[in-house]
Amino acid sequence: MKTITTLAAAFVATLAAAPVLAQDAAPTRSVAVGYADLDLASEAGRRSFDNRLRQAVREVCGSASSADLRGQNRVDDCREVLTADAARQRDIVLAGRQTGIAIAARR
């Protein structure tokens, strides 16, 4: 796990809106998520990293008015897709087989 901490210094993740929301004219939204300051060998470090990823997903996917059911469904779909992709790549990072996560799509 010490190697993961060393590799963390080079890590910046880009989260962007989910492919299910893709539209040709829509801009790509992204948020950088770093973990160089975290000890991923510890439970607390991994928990902090997971919290940062969840916050980035929420920021990228945004929110919709409670009166906009279609918009709420798009936000839910976006969060589901990005959360699953980030979790898959996070597991690879923690296993030491990758030094970064990149998730990108048009929103």
Protein backbone atom coordinates (compact mmCIF):
# COMPACT_ATOMS: atom_id res chain seq x y z
CA MET A 1 0.00 0.00 0.00
CA LYS A 2 3.00 2.31 0.45
CA THR A 3 3.39 2.26 -3.34
CA ILE A 4 -0.17 3.49 -3.73
CA THR A 5 0.60 6.47 -1.50
CA THR A 6 3.64 7.25 -3.65
CA LEU A 7 1.60 6.94 -6.84
CA ALA A 8 -1.07 9.17 -5.34
CA ALA A 9 1.10 12.23 -5.80
CA ALA A 10 0.59 12.00 -9.55
CA PHE A 11 -3.12 11.31 -9.45
CA VAL A 12 -5.84 13.67 -10.64
CA ALA A 13 -9.23 12.25 -11.56
CA THR A 14 -11.57 13.87 -14.00
CA LEU A 15 -15.24 13.21 -13.55
CA ALA A 16 -17.64 14.36 -16.18
CA ALA A 17 -21.28 13.91 -16.93
CA ALA A 18 -22.51 10.43 -17.79
CA PRO A 19 -22.63 9.08 -21.35
CA VAL A 20 -26.37 8.45 -21.00
CA LEU A 21 -26.76 12.21 -21.02
CA ALA A 22 -24.58 12.74 -24.07
CA GLN A 23 -25.66 15.35 -26.56
CA ASP A 24 -23.46 16.61 -29.39
CA ALA A 25 -23.82 20.29 -28.48
CA ALA A 26 -23.60 19.79 -24.71
CA PRO A 27 -20.43 20.86 -22.93
CA THR A 28 -18.32 18.42 -20.94
CA ARG A 29 -18.30 19.11 -17.22
CA SER A 30 -15.42 17.89 -15.13
CA VAL A 31 -14.07 18.09 -11.62
CA ALA A 32 -10.52 17.24 -10.56
CA VAL A 33 -10.26 14.93 -7.57
CA GLY A 34 -6.83 14.53 -6.01
CA TYR A 35 -5.66 12.17 -3.29
CA ALA A 36 -1.97 12.95 -2.93
CA ASP A 37 -2.59 14.14 0.62
CA LEU A 38 -4.35 10.91 1.66
CA ASP A 39 -2.89 7.71 3.05
CA LEU A 40 -4.80 5.16 0.98
CA ALA A 41 -3.31 2.36 3.05
CA SER A 42 -5.55 3.49 5.91
CA GLU A 43 -9.30 3.10 6.26
CA ALA A 44 -9.61 6.83 7.00
CA GLY A 45 -7.70 7.73 3.84
CA ARG A 46 -9.86 5.49 1.67
CA ARG A 47 -13.02 6.86 3.30
CA SER A 48 -11.88 10.44 2.56
CA PHE A 49 -11.12 9.51 -1.04
CA ASP A 50 -14.57 7.93 -1.43
CA ASN A 51 -16.17 11.08 0.01
CA ARG A 52 -14.29 13.24 -2.49
CA LEU A 53 -15.42 11.03 -5.37
CA ARG A 54 -19.07 11.17 -4.21
CA GLN A 55 -18.90 14.96 -3.92
CA ALA A 56 -17.39 15.26 -7.41
CA VAL A 57 -20.14 13.06 -8.87
CA ARG A 58 -22.79 15.25 -7.22
CA GLU A 59 -21.10 18.41 -8.51
CA VAL A 60 -20.74 17.17 -12.07
CA CYS A 61 -24.24 15.70 -12.33
CA GLY A 62 -25.82 18.74 -10.72
CA SER A 63 -29.38 18.82 -9.53
CA ALA A 64 -32.84 19.39 -10.91
CA SER A 65 -35.89 21.19 -9.64
CA SER A 66 -38.33 19.04 -7.70
CA ALA A 67 -40.89 20.07 -10.34
CA ASP A 68 -38.72 18.65 -13.15
CA LEU A 69 -39.21 14.87 -13.09
CA ARG A 70 -37.33 14.34 -16.36
CA GLY A 71 -34.42 16.42 -15.05
CA GLN A 72 -34.38 14.48 -11.78
CA ASN A 73 -34.25 11.23 -13.73
CA ARG A 74 -31.30 12.50 -15.79
CA VAL A 75 -29.46 13.51 -12.63
CA ASP A 76 -30.15 10.10 -11.06
CA ASP A 77 -28.93 8.31 -14.21
CA CYS A 78 -25.81 10.47 -14.32
CA ARG A 79 -24.98 9.75 -10.68
CA GLU A 80 -25.56 6.03 -11.09
CA VAL A 81 -23.30 5.73 -14.13
CA LEU A 82 -20.50 7.93 -12.77
CA THR A 83 -20.56 6.29 -9.34
CA ALA A 84 -20.22 2.82 -10.85
CA ASP A 85 -17.40 3.87 -13.19
CA ALA A 86 -15.52 5.73 -10.46
CA ALA A 87 -15.86 2.75 -8.09
CA ARG A 88 -14.50 0.35 -10.69
CA GLN A 89 -11.50 2.57 -11.40
CA ARG A 90 -11.01 3.33 -7.69
CA ASP A 91 -10.62 -0.39 -7.02
CA ILE A 92 -7.95 -0.60 -9.70
CA VAL A 93 -6.11 2.38 -8.16
CA LEU A 94 -6.23 0.83 -4.70
CA ALA A 95 -4.90 -2.44 -6.09
CA GLY A 96 -1.90 -0.47 -7.37
CA ARG A 97 -2.47 -1.22 -11.04
CA GLN A 98 -3.30 2.34 -12.11
CA THR A 99 -2.20 5.81 -11.08
CA GLY A 100 -5.27 7.78 -12.03
CA ILE A 101 -8.92 7.81 -12.94
CA ALA A 102 -10.41 9.53 -15.96
CA ILE A 103 -14.14 9.59 -16.61
CA ALA A 104 -15.37 11.85 -19.35
CA ALA A 105 -18.48 12.36 -21.39
CA ARG A 106 -20.60 15.12 -22.77
CA ARG A 107 -23.49 16.37 -20.70
